[in-house]
């Protein structure tokens, strides 16, 4: 286990959940993830980890619930401070209670797949998030998520004719939601790049229609 339990005194200030200027921040309304709200990652683990790193830019405490597949190397490469984390890999059917407790200890929380979420449960969690100011990042789609991000298209680069090393995954991200995010936006990024970090390939742009254009040929670096 690479993480430790974060005490309430180590929780950090609310500012720790607001990202400074970074790759994903240019795609987000106001340049940061909302506090006290839910942001979904469309079932993409690298995106979920990248969002957590964006939210915990200042090295604040963070937690992961129901994510036994979360690796320390991938988390560290994305920019998460492993010394500031708490992990509950297998919360079982008590995940809502575990999540409620964890939200009191960390301003940034990742939640793995939990199946269908009852409306009553999502409302209770939403109320807890508003009180604590915690940003909840969910692997799956979530009822009434404030922001929804998804990988619309992706492919790995680096392999030639059946040989070579994977250099990175190029992805087109789409973000939509409520308020300022009502107009969907998209951007091309390395997710992750050759060094494991998230890197912007093309500047974010608004999506005029429902269709997303194919990836353009881009060379690394």
C-alpha atoms as a PDB file:
ATOM      1  CA  UNK A   1       0.000   0.000   0.000  1.00  0.00           C
ATOM      2  CA  UNK A   2       1.554   3.296  -1.078  1.00  0.00           C
ATOM      3  CA  UNK A   3      -0.911   5.591   0.682  1.00  0.00           C
ATOM      4  CA  UNK A   4      -1.604   6.656   4.241  1.00  0.00           C
ATOM      5  CA  UNK A   5      -4.703   7.739   6.088  1.00  0.00           C
ATOM      6  CA  UNK A   6      -5.114  11.503   6.075  1.00  0.00           C
ATOM      7  CA  UNK A   7      -6.242  12.984   9.355  1.00  0.00           C
ATOM      8  CA  UNK A   8      -8.784  15.857   9.389  1.00  0.00           C
ATOM      9  CA  UNK A   9      -5.997  18.264  10.274  1.00  0.00           C
ATOM     10  CA  UNK A  10      -4.136  17.321   7.111  1.00  0.00           C
ATOM     11  CA  UNK A  11      -7.140  17.826   4.862  1.00  0.00           C
ATOM     12  CA  UNK A  12      -5.816  21.074   3.449  1.00  0.00           C
ATOM     13  CA  UNK A  13      -7.562  24.273   2.508  1.00  0.00           C
ATOM     14  CA  UNK A  14     -10.358  24.507  -0.105  1.00  0.00           C
ATOM     15  CA  UNK A  15      -7.917  26.246  -2.429  1.00  0.00           C
ATOM     16  CA  UNK A  16      -6.049  22.956  -2.762  1.00  0.00           C
ATOM     17  CA  UNK A  17      -8.823  21.631  -5.027  1.00  0.00           C
ATOM     18  CA  UNK A  18      -8.552  24.485  -7.524  1.00  0.00           C
ATOM     19  CA  UNK A  19      -6.106  23.749 -10.295  1.00  0.00           C
ATOM     20  CA  UNK A  20      -3.541  26.271 -11.412  1.00  0.00           C
ATOM     21  CA  UNK A  21      -3.004  26.765 -15.120  1.00  0.00           C
ATOM     22  CA  UNK A  22      -2.353  23.344 -16.665  1.00  0.00           C
ATOM     23  CA  UNK A  23      -3.265  21.110 -19.566  1.00  0.00           C
ATOM     24  CA  UNK A  24      -6.794  20.197 -18.523  1.00  0.00           C
ATOM     25  CA  UNK A  25      -7.501  23.563 -16.910  1.00  0.00           C
ATOM     26  CA  UNK A  26      -7.778  25.205 -20.341  1.00  0.00           C
ATOM     27  CA  UNK A  27     -10.641  22.840 -21.115  1.00  0.00           C
ATOM     28  CA  UNK A  28     -12.536  23.477 -17.871  1.00  0.00           C
ATOM     29  CA  UNK A  29     -15.016  26.306 -17.160  1.00  0.00           C
ATOM     30  CA  UNK A  30     -13.187  28.930 -15.133  1.00  0.00           C
ATOM     31  CA  UNK A  31      -9.944  27.012 -15.569  1.00  0.00           C
ATOM     32  CA  UNK A  32     -10.505  24.650 -12.640  1.00  0.00           C
ATOM     33  CA  UNK A  33     -12.624  21.804 -11.331  1.00  0.00           C
ATOM     34  CA  UNK A  34     -15.641  22.794  -9.223  1.00  0.00           C
ATOM     35  CA  UNK A  35     -15.548  22.311  -5.467  1.00  0.00           C
ATOM     36  CA  UNK A  36     -18.421  20.581  -3.715  1.00  0.00           C
ATOM     37  CA  UNK A  37     -19.575  18.908  -6.944  1.00  0.00           C
ATOM     38  CA  UNK A  38     -19.280  15.750  -9.048  1.00  0.00           C
ATOM     39  CA  UNK A  39     -17.174  15.419 -12.199  1.00  0.00           C
ATOM     40  CA  UNK A  40     -17.414  12.196 -14.229  1.00  0.00           C
ATOM     41  CA  UNK A  41     -14.644  10.720 -16.393  1.00  0.00           C
ATOM     42  CA  UNK A  42     -16.698   8.578 -18.771  1.00  0.00           C
ATOM     43  CA  UNK A  43     -15.168   5.262 -17.717  1.00  0.00           C
ATOM     44  CA  UNK A  44     -11.576   6.214 -18.584  1.00  0.00           C
ATOM     45  CA  UNK A  45      -9.041   5.557 -15.804  1.00  0.00           C
ATOM     46  CA  UNK A  46      -6.162   7.674 -17.237  1.00  0.00           C
ATOM     47  CA  UNK A  47      -8.576  10.594 -17.528  1.00  0.00           C
ATOM     48  CA  UNK A  48      -9.791  10.043 -13.968  1.00  0.00           C
ATOM     49  CA  UNK A  49      -6.215  10.104 -12.650  1.00  0.00           C
ATOM     50  CA  UNK A  50      -5.397  13.189 -14.711  1.00  0.00           C
ATOM     51  CA  UNK A  51      -8.416  15.004 -13.287  1.00  0.00           C
ATOM     52  CA  UNK A  52      -7.329  14.109  -9.762  1.00  0.00           C
ATOM     53  CA  UNK A  53      -3.850  15.471 -10.426  1.00  0.00           C
ATOM     54  CA  UNK A  54      -5.401  18.651 -11.844  1.00  0.00           C
ATOM     55  CA  UNK A  55      -7.565  19.099  -8.759  1.00  0.00           C
ATOM     56  CA  UNK A  56      -4.713  18.386  -6.344  1.00  0.00           C
ATOM     57  CA  UNK A  57      -2.158  20.583  -8.100  1.00  0.00           C
ATOM     58  CA  UNK A  58      -1.050  22.200  -4.846  1.00  0.00           C
ATOM     59  CA  UNK A  59      -0.234  18.844  -3.280  1.00  0.00           C
ATOM     60  CA  UNK A  60      -3.400  18.641  -1.203  1.00  0.00           C
ATOM     61  CA  UNK A  61      -4.812  15.462   0.263  1.00  0.00           C
ATOM     62  CA  UNK A  62      -6.698  13.079  -2.012  1.00  0.00           C
ATOM     63  CA  UNK A  63      -8.383   9.698  -1.716  1.00  0.00           C
ATOM     64  CA  UNK A  64      -9.428   6.793  -3.925  1.00  0.00           C
ATOM     65  CA  UNK A  65     -12.432   4.574  -3.180  1.00  0.00           C
ATOM     66  CA  UNK A  66     -13.181   1.369  -5.097  1.00  0.00           C
ATOM     67  CA  UNK A  67     -10.154   1.595  -7.395  1.00  0.00           C
ATOM     68  CA  UNK A  68      -7.948  -1.466  -6.745  1.00  0.00           C
ATOM     69  CA  UNK A  69      -6.524  -1.036 -10.260  1.00  0.00           C
ATOM     70  CA  UNK A  70      -5.038   2.373  -9.417  1.00  0.00           C
ATOM     71  CA  UNK A  71      -1.268   2.013  -9.673  1.00  0.00           C
ATOM     72  CA  UNK A  72       1.198   4.099  -7.731  1.00  0.00           C
ATOM     73  CA  UNK A  73       3.456   4.659 -10.745  1.00  0.00           C
ATOM     74  CA  UNK A  74       0.622   5.937 -12.949  1.00  0.00           C
ATOM     75  CA  UNK A  75      -0.655   8.181 -10.155  1.00  0.00           C
ATOM     76  CA  UNK A  76       2.804   9.605  -9.475  1.00  0.00           C
ATOM     77  CA  UNK A  77       3.537  10.150 -13.187  1.00  0.00           C
ATOM     78  CA  UNK A  78       0.276  12.092 -13.485  1.00  0.00           C
ATOM     79  CA  UNK A  79       1.376  14.382 -10.663  1.00  0.00           C
ATOM     80  CA  UNK A  80      -0.376  12.996  -7.586  1.00  0.00           C
ATOM     81  CA  UNK A  81       1.592  13.101  -4.336  1.00  0.00           C
ATOM     82  CA  UNK A  82       1.448   9.543  -3.017  1.00  0.00           C
ATOM     83  CA  UNK A  83       2.301  10.736   0.496  1.00  0.00           C
ATOM     84  CA  UNK A  84      -0.966  12.707   0.617  1.00  0.00           C
ATOM     85  CA  UNK A  85      -3.307   9.881  -0.367  1.00  0.00           C
ATOM     86  CA  UNK A  86      -5.775   7.498   1.190  1.00  0.00           C
ATOM     87  CA  UNK A  87      -6.986   4.294  -0.502  1.00  0.00           C
ATOM     88  CA  UNK A  88     -10.012   2.106   0.169  1.00  0.00           C
ATOM     89  CA  UNK A  89      -9.681  -0.394  -2.703  1.00  0.00           C
ATOM     90  CA  UNK A  90     -12.632  -2.651  -1.851  1.00  0.00           C
ATOM     91  CA  UNK A  91     -15.444  -0.773  -0.054  1.00  0.00           C
ATOM     92  CA  UNK A  92     -18.046  -3.358  -1.073  1.00  0.00           C
ATOM     93  CA  UNK A  93     -21.721  -2.576  -0.666  1.00  0.00           C
ATOM     94  CA  UNK A  94     -20.934   0.005   1.992  1.00  0.00           C
ATOM     95  CA  UNK A  95     -19.321   2.328  -0.526  1.00  0.00           C
ATOM     96  CA  UNK A  96     -21.774   5.233   0.113  1.00  0.00           C
ATOM     97  CA  UNK A  97     -20.900   5.241   3.826  1.00  0.00           C
ATOM     98  CA  UNK A  98     -17.177   4.888   3.098  1.00  0.00           C
ATOM     99  CA  UNK A  99     -17.369   7.685   0.555  1.00  0.00           C
ATOM    100  CA  UNK A 100     -19.166   9.983   2.984  1.00  0.00           C
ATOM    101  CA  UNK A 101     -16.431   9.445   5.576  1.00  0.00           C
ATOM    102  CA  UNK A 102     -13.587   9.911   3.099  1.00  0.00           C
ATOM    103  CA  UNK A 103     -15.098  13.176   1.833  1.00  0.00           C
ATOM    104  CA  UNK A 104     -14.571  14.631   5.303  1.00  0.00           C
ATOM    105  CA  UNK A 105     -10.854  13.820   5.141  1.00  0.00           C
ATOM    106  CA  UNK A 106      -9.813  14.762   1.597  1.00  0.00           C
ATOM    107  CA  UNK A 107     -10.774  17.653  -0.715  1.00  0.00           C
ATOM    108  CA  UNK A 108     -10.325  15.454  -3.817  1.00  0.00           C
ATOM    109  CA  UNK A 109     -11.853  11.966  -4.019  1.00  0.00           C
ATOM    110  CA  UNK A 110     -11.764   9.419  -6.854  1.00  0.00           C
ATOM    111  CA  UNK A 111     -14.557   6.860  -7.011  1.00  0.00           C
ATOM    112  CA  UNK A 112     -14.354   3.657  -9.036  1.00  0.00           C
ATOM    113  CA  UNK A 113     -17.216   1.757 -10.705  1.00  0.00           C
ATOM    114  CA  UNK A 114     -20.079   1.164  -8.255  1.00  0.00           C
ATOM    115  CA  UNK A 115     -22.933   0.172 -10.563  1.00  0.00           C
ATOM    116  CA  UNK A 116     -26.252   1.953 -10.752  1.00  0.00           C
ATOM    117  CA  UNK A 117     -26.584   4.762  -8.240  1.00  0.00           C
ATOM    118  CA  UNK A 118     -29.992   5.392  -6.698  1.00  0.00           C
ATOM    119  CA  UNK A 119     -31.256   8.958  -6.896  1.00  0.00           C
ATOM    120  CA  UNK A 120     -31.632   9.104  -3.111  1.00  0.00           C
ATOM    121  CA  UNK A 121     -28.003   8.019  -2.676  1.00  0.00           C
ATOM    122  CA  UNK A 122     -26.705  10.567  -5.185  1.00  0.00           C
ATOM    123  CA  UNK A 123     -28.642  13.324  -3.437  1.00  0.00           C
ATOM    124  CA  UNK A 124     -27.200  12.392  -0.043  1.00  0.00           C
ATOM    125  CA  UNK A 125     -23.705  12.390  -1.491  1.00  0.00           C
ATOM    126  CA  UNK A 126     -24.328  15.736  -3.206  1.00  0.00           C
ATOM    127  CA  UNK A 127     -25.372  17.258   0.114  1.00  0.00           C
ATOM    128  CA  UNK A 128     -22.219  15.907   1.777  1.00  0.00           C
ATOM    129  CA  UNK A 129     -20.056  17.330  -1.008  1.00  0.00           C
ATOM    130  CA  UNK A 130     -21.617  20.777  -0.657  1.00  0.00           C
ATOM    131  CA  UNK A 131     -20.942  20.766   3.080  1.00  0.00           C
ATOM    132  CA  UNK A 132     -17.364  19.553   2.813  1.00  0.00           C
ATOM    133  CA  UNK A 133     -16.403  21.330  -0.414  1.00  0.00           C
ATOM    134  CA  UNK A 134     -14.953  18.076  -1.737  1.00  0.00           C
ATOM    135  CA  UNK A 135     -14.579  17.487  -5.472  1.00  0.00           C
ATOM    136  CA  UNK A 136     -15.798  13.973  -6.323  1.00  0.00           C
ATOM    137  CA  UNK A 137     -14.310  12.472  -9.493  1.00  0.00           C
ATOM    138  CA  UNK A 138     -16.229   9.413 -10.673  1.00  0.00           C
ATOM    139  CA  UNK A 139     -15.053   6.729 -13.074  1.00  0.00           C
ATOM    140  CA  UNK A 140     -18.598   6.199 -14.364  1.00  0.00           C
ATOM    141  CA  UNK A 141     -21.298   8.588 -15.449  1.00  0.00           C
ATOM    142  CA  UNK A 142     -23.090  10.099 -12.471  1.00  0.00           C
ATOM    143  CA  UNK A 143     -26.622  11.462 -11.929  1.00  0.00           C
ATOM    144  CA  UNK A 144     -26.590  15.269 -12.072  1.00  0.00           C
ATOM    145  CA  UNK A 145     -22.808  15.524 -12.525  1.00  0.00           C
ATOM    146  CA  UNK A 146     -21.710  19.152 -12.712  1.00  0.00           C
ATOM    147  CA  UNK A 147     -19.186  18.298 -15.438  1.00  0.00           C
ATOM    148  CA  UNK A 148     -18.904  15.294 -17.725  1.00  0.00           C
ATOM    149  CA  UNK A 149     -15.630  14.544 -19.465  1.00  0.00           C
ATOM    150  CA  UNK A 150     -15.089  11.666 -21.854  1.00  0.00           C
ATOM    151  CA  UNK A 151     -12.526  10.347 -24.289  1.00  0.00           C
ATOM    152  CA  UNK A 152     -14.294  10.568 -27.644  1.00  0.00           C
ATOM    153  CA  UNK A 153     -11.447   8.958 -29.576  1.00  0.00           C
ATOM    154  CA  UNK A 154      -8.005   7.642 -28.676  1.00  0.00           C
ATOM    155  CA  UNK A 155      -5.109   5.618 -30.016  1.00  0.00           C
ATOM    156  CA  UNK A 156      -1.666   4.626 -28.837  1.00  0.00           C
ATOM    157  CA  UNK A 157       1.377   5.877 -30.733  1.00  0.00           C
ATOM    158  CA  UNK A 158       4.811   4.314 -30.974  1.00  0.00           C
ATOM    159  CA  UNK A 159       4.173   0.928 -32.581  1.00  0.00           C
ATOM    160  CA  UNK A 160       5.342   0.474 -36.151  1.00  0.00           C
ATOM    161  CA  UNK A 161       4.618  -2.604 -38.262  1.00  0.00           C
ATOM    162  CA  UNK A 162       4.090  -4.859 -35.284  1.00  0.00           C
ATOM    163  CA  UNK A 163       7.136  -3.687 -33.326  1.00  0.00           C
ATOM    164  CA  UNK A 164       8.347  -0.731 -31.288  1.00  0.00           C
ATOM    165  CA  UNK A 165       7.466   0.771 -27.911  1.00  0.00           C
ATOM    166  CA  UNK A 166       4.278   2.566 -26.919  1.00  0.00           C
ATOM    167  CA  UNK A 167       5.133   6.267 -26.681  1.00  0.00           C
ATOM    168  CA  UNK A 168       1.809   7.643 -25.479  1.00  0.00           C
ATOM    169  CA  UNK A 169      -1.927   7.731 -26.017  1.00  0.00           C
ATOM    170  CA  UNK A 170      -3.387  10.518 -28.109  1.00  0.00           C
ATOM    171  CA  UNK A 171      -6.956  11.305 -27.142  1.00  0.00           C
ATOM    172  CA  UNK A 172      -9.688  13.739 -27.993  1.00  0.00           C
ATOM    173  CA  UNK A 173     -11.373  14.919 -24.820  1.00  0.00           C
ATOM    174  CA  UNK A 174     -14.892  16.321 -24.724  1.00  0.00           C
ATOM    175  CA  UNK A 175     -16.289  18.225 -21.760  1.00  0.00           C
ATOM    176  CA  UNK A 176     -19.881  19.294 -21.192  1.00  0.00           C
ATOM    177  CA  UNK A 177     -22.065  20.057 -18.227  1.00  0.00           C
ATOM    178  CA  UNK A 178     -24.165  22.700 -16.599  1.00  0.00           C
ATOM    179  CA  UNK A 179     -23.849  26.469 -16.579  1.00  0.00           C
ATOM    180  CA  UNK A 180     -20.693  27.680 -18.312  1.00  0.00           C
ATOM    181  CA  UNK A 181     -20.079  24.136 -19.587  1.00  0.00           C
ATOM    182  CA  UNK A 182     -23.400  23.878 -21.420  1.00  0.00           C
ATOM    183  CA  UNK A 183     -21.541  24.396 -24.717  1.00  0.00           C
ATOM    184  CA  UNK A 184     -19.393  21.264 -25.221  1.00  0.00           C
ATOM    185  CA  UNK A 185     -15.688  21.799 -25.827  1.00  0.00           C
ATOM    186  CA  UNK A 186     -12.993  19.456 -27.059  1.00  0.00           C
ATOM    187  CA  UNK A 187      -9.220  19.288 -27.224  1.00  0.00           C
ATOM    188  CA  UNK A 188      -6.488  16.891 -28.313  1.00  0.00           C
ATOM    189  CA  UNK A 189      -4.109  15.721 -25.607  1.00  0.00           C
ATOM    190  CA  UNK A 190      -1.536  13.096 -24.798  1.00  0.00           C
ATOM    191  CA  UNK A 191      -3.267  11.002 -22.116  1.00  0.00           C
ATOM    192  CA  UNK A 192      -0.731   9.939 -21.007  1.00  0.00           C
ATOM    193  CA  UNK A 193       2.273  11.261 -22.917  1.00  0.00           C
ATOM    194  CA  UNK A 194       5.667   9.582 -23.311  1.00  0.00           C
ATOM    195  CA  UNK A 195       6.697  10.677 -19.808  1.00  0.00           C
ATOM    196  CA  UNK A 196       3.399   9.656 -18.227  1.00  0.00           C
ATOM    197  CA  UNK A 197       2.050  13.186 -17.921  1.00  0.00           C
ATOM    198  CA  UNK A 198      -0.882  14.860 -19.686  1.00  0.00           C
ATOM    199  CA  UNK A 199       0.192  17.164 -22.511  1.00  0.00           C
ATOM    200  CA  UNK A 200      -1.868  19.448 -24.712  1.00  0.00           C
ATOM    201  CA  UNK A 201      -1.646  18.793 -28.466  1.00  0.00           C
ATOM    202  CA  UNK A 202      -4.274  21.196 -29.821  1.00  0.00           C
ATOM    203  CA  UNK A 203      -5.986  24.131 -28.116  1.00  0.00           C
ATOM    204  CA  UNK A 204      -9.533  23.560 -26.819  1.00  0.00           C
ATOM    205  CA  UNK A 205     -12.394  24.621 -29.086  1.00  0.00           C
ATOM    206  CA  UNK A 206     -16.174  24.704 -28.902  1.00  0.00           C
ATOM    207  CA  UNK A 207     -18.120  21.950 -30.641  1.00  0.00           C
ATOM    208  CA  UNK A 208     -20.668  23.424 -33.018  1.00  0.00           C
ATOM    209  CA  UNK A 209     -22.549  20.161 -33.525  1.00  0.00           C
ATOM    210  CA  UNK A 210     -22.760  16.668 -32.109  1.00  0.00           C
ATOM    211  CA  UNK A 211     -20.078  15.192 -34.349  1.00  0.00           C
ATOM    212  CA  UNK A 212     -16.408  15.117 -33.336  1.00  0.00           C
ATOM    213  CA  UNK A 213     -13.900  15.270 -36.185  1.00  0.00           C
ATOM    214  CA  UNK A 214     -11.251  12.506 -36.481  1.00  0.00           C
ATOM    215  CA  UNK A 215      -7.808  12.898 -34.928  1.00  0.00           C
ATOM    216  CA  UNK A 216      -5.296  14.794 -37.041  1.00  0.00           C
ATOM    217  CA  UNK A 217      -1.790  13.388 -37.647  1.00  0.00           C
ATOM    218  CA  UNK A 218       0.437  14.844 -34.935  1.00  0.00           C
ATOM    219  CA  UNK A 219       4.060  14.133 -34.157  1.00  0.00           C
ATOM    220  CA  UNK A 220       5.420  14.113 -30.631  1.00  0.00           C
ATOM    221  CA  UNK A 221       7.495  16.861 -29.495  1.00  0.00           C
END
